[in-house]
Amino acid sequence: MAKRSGPLVAVVVSPSDPDAAERLLSEVRYQANITFNERVPNARDNVGNLILAVFNLIGLLLGACLVIGLTFGFMRRWIHWGRARGADDSPPLAGPPLIPPVSTDASVLFPVLRVKDQVPAKPRSRFSDPR
């Protein structure tokens, strides 16, 4: 006796009890389960999310640069303010100052070239006598 179910073939060779062989073959079943594994798109595949993430990173970096720049500027101004108020009673530093004092002298801020102070050189001509 034989039974086929899908790709399975069950065979009982010369059974002593045909009813028992038939019950045994009735228990053989094949049930096919086919699964297609498809790639499911997610949020990382969206180009719009990538653009938004790039702009978020740019904003974060600009904010960090702004905070660091303002902190540096305020620290310079605070150190200069402490020196201007007479920080003679403060302990001496172990070297030259880290930030030079800011000068308010106009000649340092705007250098001027005084043309009248210069002596004009005598013009030389190619045709003049070299003596």
Protein backbone atom coordinates (compact mmCIF):
# COMPACT_ATOMS: atom_id res chain seq x y z
CA MET A 1 0.00 0.00 0.00
CA ALA A 2 1.18 3.55 -0.76
CA LYS A 3 -0.03 7.12 -0.29
CA ARG A 4 1.29 10.35 -1.76
CA SER A 5 0.81 13.72 -0.04
CA GLY A 6 2.70 16.56 -1.71
CA PRO A 7 6.31 15.52 -2.19
CA LEU A 8 5.99 12.75 0.44
CA VAL A 9 5.30 9.14 -0.48
CA ALA A 10 4.41 6.72 2.31
CA VAL A 11 4.68 3.00 1.58
CA VAL A 12 3.64 0.04 3.74
CA VAL A 13 5.09 -3.16 2.27
CA SER A 14 2.96 -6.36 2.69
CA PRO A 15 0.93 -5.31 5.75
CA SER A 16 -0.37 -8.09 8.00
CA ASP A 17 -3.43 -6.00 8.86
CA PRO A 18 -4.70 -3.87 5.95
CA ASP A 19 -6.92 -1.75 8.23
CA ALA A 20 -3.99 -0.84 10.46
CA ALA A 21 -1.90 0.02 7.38
CA GLU A 22 -4.74 2.21 6.09
CA ARG A 23 -5.00 4.05 9.45
CA LEU A 24 -1.25 4.55 9.44
CA LEU A 25 -1.26 5.98 5.92
CA SER A 26 -4.22 8.27 6.74
CA GLU A 27 -2.01 9.98 9.37
CA VAL A 28 0.56 11.03 6.74
CA ARG A 29 -0.16 14.65 5.75
CA TYR A 30 1.86 17.34 4.04
CA GLN A 31 0.92 20.97 4.47
CA ALA A 32 3.01 23.49 2.55
CA ASN A 33 3.78 26.85 4.16
CA ILE A 34 5.36 29.30 1.76
CA THR A 35 6.84 32.50 3.17
CA PHE A 36 8.06 35.35 1.03
CA ASN A 37 10.68 37.41 2.82
CA GLU A 38 10.19 40.89 1.46
CA ARG A 39 12.17 43.89 2.58
CA VAL A 40 9.82 46.20 4.40
CA PRO A 41 10.70 49.89 3.99
CA ASN A 42 11.26 51.75 7.24
CA ALA A 43 11.93 55.34 8.33
CA ARG A 44 15.65 55.09 7.48
CA ASP A 45 14.85 54.58 3.80
CA ASN A 46 13.05 57.91 3.51
CA VAL A 47 15.18 60.66 1.91
CA GLY A 48 13.12 63.35 3.64
CA ASN A 49 14.13 62.02 7.05
CA LEU A 50 17.78 62.12 5.95
CA ILE A 51 17.49 65.78 4.92
CA LEU A 52 15.81 66.66 8.22
CA ALA A 53 18.53 64.86 10.15
CA VAL A 54 21.23 66.78 8.23
CA PHE A 55 19.57 70.11 9.04
CA ASN A 56 19.21 69.09 12.68
CA LEU A 57 22.94 68.33 12.80
CA ILE A 58 23.79 71.65 11.14
CA GLY A 59 21.62 73.50 13.66
CA LEU A 60 23.23 71.66 16.55
CA LEU A 61 26.74 72.46 15.31
CA LEU A 62 25.87 76.13 14.69
CA GLY A 63 24.39 76.39 18.16
CA ALA A 64 27.48 74.81 19.71
CA CYS A 65 29.76 77.21 17.78
CA LEU A 66 27.66 80.17 18.89
CA VAL A 67 27.75 79.12 22.54
CA ILE A 68 31.51 78.49 22.46
CA GLY A 69 32.19 81.78 20.67
CA LEU A 70 30.06 83.81 23.06
CA THR A 71 31.67 82.09 26.04
CA PHE A 72 35.15 82.86 24.71
CA GLY A 73 34.22 86.50 24.02
CA PHE A 74 32.68 87.02 27.45
CA MET A 75 35.67 85.40 29.13
CA ARG A 76 38.03 87.80 27.29
CA ARG A 77 35.91 90.76 28.30
CA TRP A 78 35.66 89.53 31.90
CA ILE A 79 39.44 89.11 32.18
CA HIS A 80 39.99 92.60 30.70
CA TRP A 81 37.36 94.05 33.07
CA GLY A 82 39.15 92.48 36.05
CA ARG A 83 42.48 94.01 34.98
CA ALA A 84 40.94 97.44 34.39
CA ARG A 85 39.38 97.58 37.85
CA GLY A 86 42.75 97.18 39.51
CA ALA A 87 43.53 93.57 39.96
CA ASP A 88 46.80 94.44 41.73
CA ASP A 89 45.74 92.53 44.80
CA SER A 90 45.26 89.34 42.79
CA PRO A 91 48.02 86.72 42.90
CA PRO A 92 50.61 87.08 40.14
CA LEU A 93 50.41 84.78 37.17
CA ALA A 94 53.25 82.37 36.42
CA GLY A 95 54.03 83.92 33.05
CA PRO A 96 52.87 86.46 30.54
CA PRO A 97 49.15 87.16 30.40
CA LEU A 98 47.20 84.80 28.21
CA ILE A 99 45.23 87.58 26.54
CA PRO A 100 46.91 90.95 25.88
CA PRO A 101 45.05 93.98 27.21
CA VAL A 102 42.87 95.83 24.76
CA SER A 103 44.20 99.29 23.89
CA THR A 104 41.84 102.23 23.46
CA ASP A 105 44.54 104.50 22.01
CA ALA A 106 43.39 105.73 18.58
CA SER A 107 46.92 105.63 17.13
CA VAL A 108 47.14 101.92 17.87
CA LEU A 109 43.68 101.17 16.54
CA PHE A 110 43.99 103.32 13.39
CA PRO A 111 47.59 103.76 12.18
CA VAL A 112 48.13 106.94 10.20
CA LEU A 113 50.76 107.54 7.54
CA ARG A 114 51.95 111.14 7.70
CA VAL A 115 53.08 112.02 4.19
CA LYS A 116 54.28 115.55 5.09
CA ASP A 117 56.96 114.21 7.43
CA GLN A 118 58.74 112.34 4.65
CA VAL A 119 61.49 114.01 2.60
CA PRO A 120 60.78 113.64 -1.10
CA ALA A 121 63.54 111.90 -3.01
CA LYS A 122 65.11 113.73 -5.93
CA PRO A 123 63.73 112.19 -9.11
CA ARG A 124 66.33 110.59 -11.34
CA SER A 125 66.08 110.82 -15.03
CA ARG A 126 67.58 108.56 -17.62
CA PHE A 127 68.82 111.55 -19.52
CA SER A 128 70.44 113.40 -16.63
CA ASP A 129 74.19 113.62 -16.16
CA PRO A 130 75.35 110.91 -13.68
CA ARG A 131 77.89 113.34 -12.10
